[in-house]
Amino acid sequence: MPEFDTNLERVIHQELRKLPPVKTPEALLGRVLVSVRAQQALPWWRKSIWQWPHAARTVFFIVLAVMITAITSSHWWAGDVAAKGAEVFSDSTQPLMPLGNAFVVLWRTLFQNVVLYGLAFCGMLYLLCLGAGTMFVRFAVRRS
């Protein structure tokens, strides 16, 4: 195990303090200033929402809340589903029942085992990679 100098941070800090400050290239400074001025010149609706005027931000959030409420407050539809269960959809999904049954049969006979074995295989590969990575890191640390 290598030994560390406890004063290393202090020595490096002192040496870096002795260096002159780095000058910014003129071309970079000009491009940065142009970019900052262009951002400041944007109209308020093109800026981040947190830089909008307070009144505009408040109106936006109220309109957003109304739209979300209008979209998700279909309580008449949710009430029917809660009361009758999936029978509400039985008329519209009746032609798809044979296809659904075929999928269930295929799932139980073929795909279920393939998915389970695939997940087990992926888990074993994950553990193999984890173990190999740990071994390589320990080997590298021991060598340095």
Protein backbone atom coordinates (compact mmCIF):
# COMPACT_ATOMS: atom_id res chain seq x y z
CA MET A 1 0.00 0.00 0.00
CA PRO A 2 1.49 3.37 -0.98
CA GLU A 3 2.12 5.91 1.76
CA PHE A 4 0.47 9.32 1.44
CA ASP A 5 2.03 12.60 2.43
CA THR A 6 -0.34 14.30 4.87
CA ASN A 7 0.94 17.74 3.82
CA LEU A 8 0.41 17.07 0.11
CA GLU A 9 -2.78 19.08 -0.12
CA ARG A 10 -1.17 22.08 1.59
CA VAL A 11 1.90 21.94 -0.66
CA ILE A 12 -0.17 21.68 -3.85
CA HIS A 13 -2.38 24.55 -2.71
CA GLN A 14 0.67 26.77 -2.07
CA GLU A 15 2.21 25.93 -5.46
CA LEU A 16 -1.05 26.65 -7.30
CA ARG A 17 -1.34 30.00 -5.50
CA LYS A 18 2.07 30.99 -6.89
CA LEU A 19 0.89 30.55 -10.49
CA PRO A 20 -0.41 33.63 -12.33
CA PRO A 21 -4.15 33.70 -13.08
CA VAL A 22 -5.15 32.23 -16.42
CA LYS A 23 -6.26 34.81 -18.98
CA THR A 24 -9.42 34.18 -20.94
CA PRO A 25 -8.94 34.20 -24.70
CA GLU A 26 -10.53 37.27 -26.27
CA ALA A 27 -12.52 35.21 -28.78
CA LEU A 28 -14.05 33.10 -26.00
CA LEU A 29 -14.87 36.11 -23.85
CA GLY A 30 -16.65 37.81 -26.76
CA ARG A 31 -18.69 34.71 -27.61
CA VAL A 32 -19.73 34.24 -23.98
CA LEU A 33 -20.83 37.87 -23.66
CA VAL A 34 -22.81 37.67 -26.92
CA SER A 35 -24.53 34.49 -25.70
CA VAL A 36 -25.41 36.03 -22.32
CA ARG A 37 -26.81 39.16 -23.97
CA ALA A 38 -28.84 37.04 -26.41
CA GLN A 39 -30.35 35.09 -23.50
CA GLN A 40 -31.24 38.31 -21.70
CA ALA A 41 -32.85 39.76 -24.84
CA LEU A 42 -35.29 36.86 -25.25
CA PRO A 43 -38.98 37.61 -24.62
CA TRP A 44 -40.28 36.30 -21.31
CA TRP A 45 -42.26 33.41 -22.85
CA ARG A 46 -39.07 31.99 -24.44
CA LYS A 47 -37.19 31.93 -21.12
CA SER A 48 -37.37 29.36 -18.35
CA ILE A 49 -40.74 29.29 -16.58
CA TRP A 50 -39.04 30.41 -13.34
CA GLN A 51 -37.99 33.66 -15.06
CA TRP A 52 -41.53 34.51 -16.23
CA PRO A 53 -43.39 37.38 -14.56
CA HIS A 54 -45.21 36.24 -11.44
CA ALA A 55 -48.68 36.93 -12.88
CA ALA A 56 -47.96 34.95 -16.08
CA ARG A 57 -46.59 32.03 -14.08
CA THR A 58 -49.67 32.02 -11.83
CA VAL A 59 -52.06 32.09 -14.80
CA PHE A 60 -50.11 29.27 -16.48
CA PHE A 61 -50.32 27.04 -13.41
CA ILE A 62 -54.04 27.75 -12.98
CA VAL A 63 -54.74 26.89 -16.64
CA LEU A 64 -52.57 23.76 -16.30
CA ALA A 65 -54.47 22.68 -13.19
CA VAL A 66 -57.83 23.22 -14.94
CA MET A 67 -56.70 21.20 -17.96
CA ILE A 68 -55.43 18.32 -15.81
CA THR A 69 -58.65 18.34 -13.83
CA ALA A 70 -60.74 18.35 -17.01
CA ILE A 71 -58.78 15.46 -18.47
CA THR A 72 -58.63 13.27 -15.38
CA SER A 73 -61.92 13.99 -13.62
CA SER A 74 -64.01 11.55 -15.61
CA HIS A 75 -65.69 10.38 -12.45
CA TRP A 76 -68.76 9.09 -14.34
CA TRP A 77 -66.56 6.65 -16.27
CA ALA A 78 -64.49 5.67 -13.24
CA GLY A 79 -67.67 5.20 -11.21
CA ASP A 80 -69.08 2.74 -13.76
CA VAL A 81 -65.87 0.74 -13.82
CA ALA A 82 -65.72 0.68 -10.02
CA ALA A 83 -69.35 -0.41 -9.75
CA LYS A 84 -69.51 -2.98 -12.56
CA GLY A 85 -65.86 -3.95 -12.94
CA ALA A 86 -64.50 -4.90 -16.34
CA GLU A 87 -68.01 -5.79 -17.60
CA VAL A 88 -68.29 -2.18 -18.79
CA PHE A 89 -65.84 -3.00 -21.57
CA SER A 90 -67.31 -6.41 -22.45
CA ASP A 91 -69.36 -5.18 -25.43
CA SER A 92 -66.48 -3.43 -27.12
CA THR A 93 -63.89 -6.11 -26.37
CA GLN A 94 -65.99 -9.19 -27.19
CA PRO A 95 -64.48 -9.68 -30.69
CA LEU A 96 -60.98 -9.66 -29.18
CA MET A 97 -61.66 -12.45 -26.66
CA PRO A 98 -60.41 -15.35 -28.87
CA LEU A 99 -57.21 -13.45 -29.57
CA GLY A 100 -56.73 -12.78 -25.87
CA ASN A 101 -57.33 -16.43 -25.01
CA ALA A 102 -54.78 -17.51 -27.64
CA PHE A 103 -52.23 -15.13 -26.16
CA VAL A 104 -52.86 -16.51 -22.65
CA VAL A 105 -52.36 -20.08 -23.89
CA LEU A 106 -49.15 -19.14 -25.70
CA TRP A 107 -47.91 -17.27 -22.66
CA ARG A 108 -48.51 -20.18 -20.32
CA THR A 109 -47.00 -22.81 -22.61
CA LEU A 110 -44.08 -21.05 -24.28
CA PHE A 111 -43.28 -17.50 -23.36
CA GLN A 112 -43.58 -17.74 -19.57
CA ASN A 113 -40.71 -20.24 -19.34
CA VAL A 114 -38.60 -18.33 -21.86
CA VAL A 115 -39.02 -15.11 -19.92
CA LEU A 116 -38.26 -16.76 -16.58
CA TYR A 117 -35.16 -18.53 -17.91
CA GLY A 118 -34.07 -15.32 -19.65
CA LEU A 119 -34.38 -13.36 -16.41
CA ALA A 120 -32.44 -16.04 -14.52
CA PHE A 121 -29.73 -16.01 -17.22
CA CYS A 122 -29.49 -12.19 -17.11
CA GLY A 123 -29.24 -12.31 -13.31
CA MET A 124 -26.40 -14.83 -13.50
CA LEU A 125 -24.59 -12.69 -16.09
CA TYR A 126 -25.01 -9.65 -13.85
CA LEU A 127 -23.49 -11.49 -10.90
CA LEU A 128 -20.66 -12.74 -13.11
CA CYS A 129 -19.88 -9.19 -14.26
CA LEU A 130 -20.07 -7.90 -10.70
CA GLY A 131 -17.67 -10.57 -9.48
CA ALA A 132 -15.24 -10.09 -12.38
CA GLY A 133 -15.27 -6.32 -11.90
CA THR A 134 -14.59 -6.69 -8.19
CA MET A 135 -11.75 -9.10 -8.91
CA PHE A 136 -10.15 -6.77 -11.48
CA VAL A 137 -10.42 -3.72 -9.21
CA ARG A 138 -8.82 -5.59 -6.30
CA PHE A 139 -6.07 -6.87 -8.60
CA ALA A 140 -5.41 -3.35 -9.91
CA VAL A 141 -5.32 -1.82 -6.41
CA ARG A 142 -3.00 -4.53 -5.17
CA ARG A 143 -0.61 -3.96 -8.11
CA SER A 144 -0.35 -0.18 -7.64
